[in-house]
Amino acid sequence: MNLPRDIEASKLIKALRKLGYETTRQSGSHIRLTTQQNGQHHLTIPNHDPLKIGTLNAIITEVAKHLGVSKQELVERLF
């Protein structure tokens, strides 16, 4: 599984909106997203361009775990 290397935070947020995440607040350069699907889940994304690969991997892992899908399936759905 290969993650995209140069994804911007805004593109990731837009992709996560398709999965039911909504922006709930922003504090400085960090944006908080929340979803009610499969129970409430909060996610904080740094507003960086591009996101570091480790940060992106951690976000993808957390979302996949919450939604109960594999990381590979989530990456295919998002990108």
PDB file of N, CA and C in Angstrom:
ATOM      1  N   MET A   1       0.837  -1.178   0.000  1.00  0.00           N
ATOM      2  CA  MET A   1       0.000   0.000   0.000  1.00  0.00           C
ATOM      3  C   MET A   1       0.879   1.238   0.000  1.00  0.00           C
ATOM      4  N   ASN A   2       0.658   2.103  -0.949  1.00  0.00           N
ATOM      5  CA  ASN A   2       1.410   3.352  -1.029  1.00  0.00           C
ATOM      6  C   ASN A   2       0.491   4.522  -0.731  1.00  0.00           C
ATOM      7  N   LEU A   3       0.928   5.354   0.193  1.00  0.00           N
ATOM      8  CA  LEU A   3       0.191   6.574   0.500  1.00  0.00           C
ATOM      9  C   LEU A   3       0.672   7.676  -0.425  1.00  0.00           C
ATOM     10  N   PRO A   4      -0.205   8.598  -0.794  1.00  0.00           N
ATOM     11  CA  PRO A   4       0.245   9.735  -1.601  1.00  0.00           C
ATOM     12  C   PRO A   4       1.263  10.565  -0.823  1.00  0.00           C
ATOM     13  N   ARG A   5       2.307  10.989  -1.483  1.00  0.00           N
ATOM     14  CA  ARG A   5       3.416  11.668  -0.803  1.00  0.00           C
ATOM     15  C   ARG A   5       3.237  13.163  -0.622  1.00  0.00           C
ATOM     16  N   ASP A   6       2.483  13.787  -1.482  1.00  0.00           N
ATOM     17  CA  ASP A   6       2.399  15.244  -1.413  1.00  0.00           C
ATOM     18  C   ASP A   6       0.946  15.711  -1.360  1.00  0.00           C
ATOM     19  N   ILE A   7       0.225  15.213  -0.362  1.00  0.00           N
ATOM     20  CA  ILE A   7      -1.174  15.599  -0.211  1.00  0.00           C
ATOM     21  C   ILE A   7      -1.277  16.775   0.761  1.00  0.00           C
ATOM     22  N   GLU A   8      -2.106  17.729   0.398  1.00  0.00           N
ATOM     23  CA  GLU A   8      -2.332  18.893   1.233  1.00  0.00           C
ATOM     24  C   GLU A   8      -3.428  18.580   2.245  1.00  0.00           C
ATOM     25  N   ALA A   9      -3.412  19.277   3.368  1.00  0.00           N
ATOM     26  CA  ALA A   9      -4.432  19.079   4.395  1.00  0.00           C
ATOM     27  C   ALA A   9      -5.817  19.365   3.841  1.00  0.00           C
ATOM     28  N   SER A  10      -5.945  20.391   3.004  1.00  0.00           N
ATOM     29  CA  SER A  10      -7.260  20.742   2.453  1.00  0.00           C
ATOM     30  C   SER A  10      -7.830  19.623   1.588  1.00  0.00           C
ATOM     31  N   LYS A  11      -6.973  18.932   0.833  1.00  0.00           N
ATOM     32  CA  LYS A  11      -7.438  17.805   0.015  1.00  0.00           C
ATOM     33  C   LYS A  11      -7.874  16.636   0.887  1.00  0.00           C
ATOM     34  N   LEU A  12      -7.138  16.380   1.957  1.00  0.00           N
ATOM     35  CA  LEU A  12      -7.494  15.296   2.865  1.00  0.00           C
ATOM     36  C   LEU A  12      -8.818  15.594   3.556  1.00  0.00           C
ATOM     37  N   ILE A  13      -9.009  16.820   3.993  1.00  0.00           N
ATOM     38  CA  ILE A  13     -10.249  17.207   4.654  1.00  0.00           C
ATOM     39  C   ILE A  13     -11.426  17.057   3.692  1.00  0.00           C
ATOM     40  N   LYS A  14     -11.244  17.480   2.455  1.00  0.00           N
ATOM     41  CA  LYS A  14     -12.298  17.346   1.452  1.00  0.00           C
ATOM     42  C   LYS A  14     -12.646  15.875   1.226  1.00  0.00           C
ATOM     43  N   ALA A  15     -11.639  15.007   1.183  1.00  0.00           N
ATOM     44  CA  ALA A  15     -11.869  13.574   0.994  1.00  0.00           C
ATOM     45  C   ALA A  15     -12.582  12.975   2.209  1.00  0.00           C
ATOM     46  N   LEU A  16     -12.210  13.408   3.409  1.00  0.00           N
ATOM     47  CA  LEU A  16     -12.839  12.881   4.619  1.00  0.00           C
ATOM     48  C   LEU A  16     -14.287  13.334   4.761  1.00  0.00           C
ATOM     49  N   ARG A  17     -14.624  14.463   4.165  1.00  0.00           N
ATOM     50  CA  ARG A  17     -16.026  14.923   4.193  1.00  0.00           C
ATOM     51  C   ARG A  17     -16.937  13.932   3.479  1.00  0.00           C
ATOM     52  N   LYS A  18     -16.417  13.253   2.477  1.00  0.00           N
ATOM     53  CA  LYS A  18     -17.196  12.243   1.759  1.00  0.00           C
ATOM     54  C   LYS A  18     -17.549  11.071   2.675  1.00  0.00           C
ATOM     55  N   LEU A  19     -16.762  10.883   3.733  1.00  0.00           N
ATOM     56  CA  LEU A  19     -16.994   9.790   4.675  1.00  0.00           C
ATOM     57  C   LEU A  19     -17.805  10.240   5.889  1.00  0.00           C
ATOM     58  N   GLY A  20     -18.286  11.462   5.871  1.00  0.00           N
ATOM     59  CA  GLY A  20     -19.141  11.947   6.953  1.00  0.00           C
ATOM     60  C   GLY A  20     -18.465  12.825   7.981  1.00  0.00           C
ATOM     61  N   TYR A  21     -17.209  13.159   7.795  1.00  0.00           N
ATOM     62  CA  TYR A  21     -16.516  14.044   8.735  1.00  0.00           C
ATOM     63  C   TYR A  21     -16.858  15.493   8.416  1.00  0.00           C
ATOM     64  N   GLU A  22     -17.048  16.298   9.466  1.00  0.00           N
ATOM     65  CA  GLU A  22     -17.336  17.723   9.311  1.00  0.00           C
ATOM     66  C   GLU A  22     -16.369  18.530  10.169  1.00  0.00           C
ATOM     67  N   THR A  23     -16.011  19.699   9.681  1.00  0.00           N
ATOM     68  CA  THR A  23     -15.141  20.582  10.448  1.00  0.00           C
ATOM     69  C   THR A  23     -15.925  21.135  11.626  1.00  0.00           C
ATOM     70  N   THR A  24     -15.395  20.958  12.838  1.00  0.00           N
ATOM     71  CA  THR A  24     -16.082  21.463  14.021  1.00  0.00           C
ATOM     72  C   THR A  24     -15.395  22.686  14.608  1.00  0.00           C
ATOM     73  N   ARG A  25     -14.083  22.789  14.419  1.00  0.00           N
ATOM     74  CA  ARG A  25     -13.391  23.995  14.888  1.00  0.00           C
ATOM     75  C   ARG A  25     -11.983  24.031  14.324  1.00  0.00           C
ATOM     76  N   GLN A  26     -11.375  25.221  14.432  1.00  0.00           N
ATOM     77  CA  GLN A  26      -9.988  25.383  14.032  1.00  0.00           C
ATOM     78  C   GLN A  26      -9.291  26.206  15.093  1.00  0.00           C
ATOM     79  N   SER A  27      -8.145  25.732  15.512  1.00  0.00           N
ATOM     80  CA  SER A  27      -7.349  26.440  16.500  1.00  0.00           C
ATOM     81  C   SER A  27      -5.953  26.609  15.911  1.00  0.00           C
ATOM     82  N   GLY A  28      -5.634  27.802  15.475  1.00  0.00           N
ATOM     83  CA  GLY A  28      -4.345  28.044  14.834  1.00  0.00           C
ATOM     84  C   GLY A  28      -4.241  27.263  13.543  1.00  0.00           C
ATOM     85  N   SER A  29      -3.231  26.412  13.427  1.00  0.00           N
ATOM     86  CA  SER A  29      -3.031  25.667  12.192  1.00  0.00           C
ATOM     87  C   SER A  29      -3.558  24.235  12.292  1.00  0.00           C
ATOM     88  N   HIS A  30      -4.408  23.942  13.268  1.00  0.00           N
ATOM     89  CA  HIS A  30      -4.966  22.610  13.422  1.00  0.00           C
ATOM     90  C   HIS A  30      -6.479  22.654  13.253  1.00  0.00           C
ATOM     91  N   ILE A  31      -6.990  21.734  12.459  1.00  0.00           N
ATOM     92  CA  ILE A  31      -8.412  21.677  12.150  1.00  0.00           C
ATOM     93  C   ILE A  31      -8.985  20.411  12.777  1.00  0.00           C
ATOM     94  N   ARG A  32     -10.089  20.560  13.477  1.00  0.00           N
ATOM     95  CA  ARG A  32     -10.715  19.402  14.136  1.00  0.00           C
ATOM     96  C   ARG A  32     -11.935  18.978  13.333  1.00  0.00           C
ATOM     97  N   LEU A  33     -11.969  17.690  12.996  1.00  0.00           N
ATOM     98  CA  LEU A  33     -13.084  17.095  12.280  1.00  0.00           C
ATOM     99  C   LEU A  33     -13.807  16.137  13.206  1.00  0.00           C
ATOM    100  N   THR A  34     -15.127  16.011  13.017  1.00  0.00           N
ATOM    101  CA  THR A  34     -15.925  15.106  13.826  1.00  0.00           C
ATOM    102  C   THR A  34     -16.905  14.380  12.932  1.00  0.00           C
ATOM    103  N   THR A  35     -17.151  13.110  13.258  1.00  0.00           N
ATOM    104  CA  THR A  35     -18.175  12.334  12.573  1.00  0.00           C
ATOM    105  C   THR A  35     -19.057  11.663  13.614  1.00  0.00           C
ATOM    106  N   GLN A  36     -20.286  11.380  13.230  1.00  0.00           N
ATOM    107  CA  GLN A  36     -21.217  10.661  14.095  1.00  0.00           C
ATOM    108  C   GLN A  36     -21.402   9.226  13.623  1.00  0.00           C
ATOM    109  N   GLN A  37     -20.811   8.864  12.484  1.00  0.00           N
ATOM    110  CA  GLN A  37     -20.942   7.511  11.955  1.00  0.00           C
ATOM    111  C   GLN A  37     -20.145   6.538  12.814  1.00  0.00           C
ATOM    112  N   ASN A  38     -20.757   5.403  13.129  1.00  0.00           N
ATOM    113  CA  ASN A  38     -20.139   4.381  13.990  1.00  0.00           C
ATOM    114  C   ASN A  38     -19.766   4.956  15.353  1.00  0.00           C
ATOM    115  N   GLY A  39     -20.554   5.874  15.862  1.00  0.00           N
ATOM    116  CA  GLY A  39     -20.235   6.542  17.124  1.00  0.00           C
ATOM    117  C   GLY A  39     -19.437   7.808  16.853  1.00  0.00           C
ATOM    118  N   GLN A  40     -19.377   8.652  17.832  1.00  0.00           N
ATOM    119  CA  GLN A  40     -18.675   9.924  17.651  1.00  0.00           C
ATOM    120  C   GLN A  40     -17.172   9.704  17.579  1.00  0.00           C
ATOM    121  N   HIS A  41     -16.528  10.403  16.635  1.00  0.00           N
ATOM    122  CA  HIS A  41     -15.085  10.294  16.472  1.00  0.00           C
ATOM    123  C   HIS A  41     -14.526  11.667  16.121  1.00  0.00           C
ATOM    124  N   HIS A  42     -13.497  12.090  16.846  1.00  0.00           N
ATOM    125  CA  HIS A  42     -12.829  13.366  16.612  1.00  0.00           C
ATOM    126  C   HIS A  42     -11.462  13.113  16.002  1.00  0.00           C
ATOM    127  N   LEU A  43     -11.061  14.003  15.124  1.00  0.00           N
ATOM    128  CA  LEU A  43      -9.802  13.865  14.413  1.00  0.00           C
ATOM    129  C   LEU A  43      -9.193  15.252  14.247  1.00  0.00           C
ATOM    130  N   THR A  44      -7.927  15.408  14.584  1.00  0.00           N
ATOM    131  CA  THR A  44      -7.245  16.689  14.429  1.00  0.00           C
ATOM    132  C   THR A  44      -6.226  16.574  13.306  1.00  0.00           C
ATOM    133  N   ILE A  45      -6.311  17.513  12.365  1.00  0.00           N
ATOM    134  CA  ILE A  45      -5.421  17.504  11.213  1.00  0.00           C
ATOM    135  C   ILE A  45      -4.652  18.817  11.171  1.00  0.00           C
ATOM    136  N   PRO A  46      -3.321  18.759  11.098  1.00  0.00           N
ATOM    137  CA  PRO A  46      -2.550  19.998  10.960  1.00  0.00           C
ATOM    138  C   PRO A  46      -2.738  20.565   9.555  1.00  0.00           C
ATOM    139  N   ASN A  47      -2.927  21.856   9.459  1.00  0.00           N
ATOM    140  CA  ASN A  47      -3.156  22.507   8.176  1.00  0.00           C
ATOM    141  C   ASN A  47      -1.810  22.810   7.510  1.00  0.00           C
ATOM    142  N   HIS A  48      -1.144  21.751   7.059  1.00  0.00           N
ATOM    143  CA  HIS A  48       0.176  21.863   6.439  1.00  0.00           C
ATOM    144  C   HIS A  48       0.100  21.500   4.964  1.00  0.00           C
ATOM    145  N   ASP A  49       1.050  21.995   4.209  1.00  0.00           N
ATOM    146  CA  ASP A  49       1.118  21.707   2.780  1.00  0.00           C
ATOM    147  C   ASP A  49       2.555  21.371   2.411  1.00  0.00           C
ATOM    148  N   PRO A  50       2.896  20.142   2.161  1.00  0.00           N
ATOM    149  CA  PRO A  50       2.078  18.920   2.279  1.00  0.00           C
ATOM    150  C   PRO A  50       2.158  18.347   3.679  1.00  0.00           C
ATOM    151  N   LEU A  51       1.271  17.383   3.965  1.00  0.00           N
ATOM    152  CA  LEU A  51       1.319  16.666   5.237  1.00  0.00           C
ATOM    153  C   LEU A  51       2.513  15.722   5.232  1.00  0.00           C
ATOM    154  N   LYS A  52       3.164  15.575   6.362  1.00  0.00           N
ATOM    155  CA  LYS A  52       4.260  14.614   6.463  1.00  0.00           C
ATOM    156  C   LYS A  52       3.677  13.214   6.342  1.00  0.00           C
ATOM    157  N   ILE A  53       4.431  12.302   5.768  1.00  0.00           N
ATOM    158  CA  ILE A  53       3.937  10.959   5.489  1.00  0.00           C
ATOM    159  C   ILE A  53       3.567  10.213   6.776  1.00  0.00           C
ATOM    160  N   GLY A  54       4.303  10.430   7.840  1.00  0.00           N
ATOM    161  CA  GLY A  54       3.982   9.789   9.115  1.00  0.00           C
ATOM    162  C   GLY A  54       2.676  10.303   9.704  1.00  0.00           C
ATOM    163  N   THR A  55       2.443  11.601   9.562  1.00  0.00           N
ATOM    164  CA  THR A  55       1.198  12.207  10.031  1.00  0.00           C
ATOM    165  C   THR A  55       0.023  11.667   9.233  1.00  0.00           C
ATOM    166  N   LEU A  56       0.173  11.613   7.915  1.00  0.00           N
ATOM    167  CA  LEU A  56      -0.880  11.087   7.050  1.00  0.00           C
ATOM    168  C   LEU A  56      -1.171   9.630   7.390  1.00  0.00           C
ATOM    169  N   ASN A  57      -0.128   8.849   7.600  1.00  0.00           N
ATOM    170  CA  ASN A  57      -0.296   7.438   7.945  1.00  0.00           C
ATOM    171  C   ASN A  57      -1.068   7.281   9.257  1.00  0.00           C
ATOM    172  N   ALA A  58      -0.750   8.098  10.252  1.00  0.00           N
ATOM    173  CA  ALA A  58      -1.440   8.029  11.543  1.00  0.00           C
ATOM    174  C   ALA A  58      -2.917   8.391  11.398  1.00  0.00           C
ATOM    175  N   ILE A  59      -3.216   9.403  10.593  1.00  0.00           N
ATOM    176  CA  ILE A  59      -4.605   9.820  10.371  1.00  0.00           C
ATOM    177  C   ILE A  59      -5.371   8.714   9.663  1.00  0.00           C
ATOM    178  N   ILE A  60      -4.780   8.151   8.602  1.00  0.00           N
ATOM    179  CA  ILE A  60      -5.427   7.076   7.841  1.00  0.00           C
ATOM    180  C   ILE A  60      -5.669   5.863   8.748  1.00  0.00           C
ATOM    181  N   THR A  61      -4.697   5.512   9.572  1.00  0.00           N
ATOM    182  CA  THR A  61      -4.831   4.374  10.483  1.00  0.00           C
ATOM    183  C   THR A  61      -5.982   4.591  11.463  1.00  0.00           C
ATOM    184  N   GLU A  62      -6.061   5.797  12.023  1.00  0.00           N
ATOM    185  CA  GLU A  62      -7.108   6.115  12.995  1.00  0.00           C
ATOM    186  C   GLU A  62      -8.499   6.068  12.364  1.00  0.00           C
ATOM    187  N   VAL A  63      -8.639   6.641  11.177  1.00  0.00           N
ATOM    188  CA  VAL A  63      -9.938   6.650  10.495  1.00  0.00           C
ATOM    189  C   VAL A  63     -10.339   5.236  10.097  1.00  0.00           C
ATOM    190  N   ALA A  64      -9.404   4.458   9.568  1.00  0.00           N
ATOM    191  CA  ALA A  64      -9.699   3.079   9.167  1.00  0.00           C
ATOM    192  C   ALA A  64     -10.154   2.253  10.369  1.00  0.00           C
ATOM    193  N   LYS A  65      -9.486   2.430  11.493  1.00  0.00           N
ATOM    194  CA  LYS A  65      -9.851   1.700  12.705  1.00  0.00           C
ATOM    195  C   LYS A  65     -11.261   2.087  13.151  1.00  0.00           C
ATOM    196  N   HIS A  66     -11.580   3.366  13.125  1.00  0.00           N
ATOM    197  CA  HIS A  66     -12.906   3.823  13.538  1.00  0.00           C
ATOM    198  C   HIS A  66     -14.002   3.294  12.614  1.00  0.00           C
ATOM    199  N   LEU A  67     -13.749   3.301  11.309  1.00  0.00           N
ATOM    200  CA  LEU A  67     -14.752   2.866  10.347  1.00  0.00           C
ATOM    201  C   LEU A  67     -14.799   1.349  10.190  1.00  0.00           C
ATOM    202  N   GLY A  68     -13.798   0.660  10.722  1.00  0.00           N
ATOM    203  CA  GLY A  68     -13.773  -0.794  10.642  1.00  0.00           C
ATOM    204  C   GLY A  68     -13.420  -1.328   9.264  1.00  0.00           C
ATOM    205  N   VAL A  69     -12.555  -0.606   8.563  1.00  0.00           N
ATOM    206  CA  VAL A  69     -12.094  -1.043   7.245  1.00  0.00           C
ATOM    207  C   VAL A  69     -10.567  -1.113   7.262  1.00  0.00           C
ATOM    208  N   SER A  70      -9.999  -1.764   6.258  1.00  0.00           N
ATOM    209  CA  SER A  70      -8.544  -1.824   6.177  1.00  0.00           C
ATOM    210  C   SER A  70      -7.991  -0.487   5.681  1.00  0.00           C
ATOM    211  N   LYS A  71      -6.722  -0.250   5.970  1.00  0.00           N
ATOM    212  CA  LYS A  71      -6.088   0.986   5.501  1.00  0.00           C
ATOM    213  C   LYS A  71      -6.078   1.045   3.977  1.00  0.00           C
ATOM    214  N   GLN A  72      -5.825  -0.095   3.344  1.00  0.00           N
ATOM    215  CA  GLN A  72      -5.786  -0.151   1.881  1.00  0.00           C
ATOM    216  C   GLN A  72      -7.139   0.252   1.291  1.00  0.00           C
ATOM    217  N   GLU A  73      -8.213  -0.283   1.849  1.00  0.00           N
ATOM    218  CA  GLU A  73      -9.558   0.040   1.357  1.00  0.00           C
ATOM    219  C   GLU A  73      -9.861   1.525   1.555  1.00  0.00           C
ATOM    220  N   LEU A  74      -9.464   2.070   2.697  1.00  0.00           N
ATOM    221  CA  LEU A  74      -9.700   3.485   2.970  1.00  0.00           C
ATOM    222  C   LEU A  74      -8.926   4.369   2.001  1.00  0.00           C
ATOM    223  N   VAL A  75      -7.678   4.030   1.740  1.00  0.00           N
ATOM    224  CA  VAL A  75      -6.862   4.820   0.798  1.00  0.00           C
ATOM    225  C   VAL A  75      -7.504   4.798  -0.594  1.00  0.00           C
ATOM    226  N   GLU A  76      -8.004   3.643  -1.004  1.00  0.00           N
ATOM    227  CA  GLU A  76      -8.652   3.542  -2.312  1.00  0.00           C
ATOM    228  C   GLU A  76      -9.923   4.398  -2.368  1.00  0.00           C
ATOM    229  N   ARG A  77     -10.681   4.445  -1.270  1.00  0.00           N
ATOM    230  CA  ARG A  77     -11.899   5.247  -1.230  1.00  0.00           C
ATOM    231  C   ARG A  77     -11.600   6.740  -1.200  1.00  0.00           C
ATOM    232  N   LEU A  78     -10.527   7.134  -0.526  1.00  0.00           N
ATOM    233  CA  LEU A  78     -10.210   8.559  -0.375  1.00  0.00           C
ATOM    234  C   LEU A  78      -9.500   9.143  -1.591  1.00  0.00           C
ATOM    235  N   PHE A  79      -8.560   8.382  -2.154  1.00  0.00           N
ATOM    236  CA  PHE A  79      -7.730   8.944  -3.219  1.00  0.00           C
ATOM    237  C   PHE A  79      -7.913   8.170  -4.481  1.00  0.00           C
TER     238      PHE A  79
END
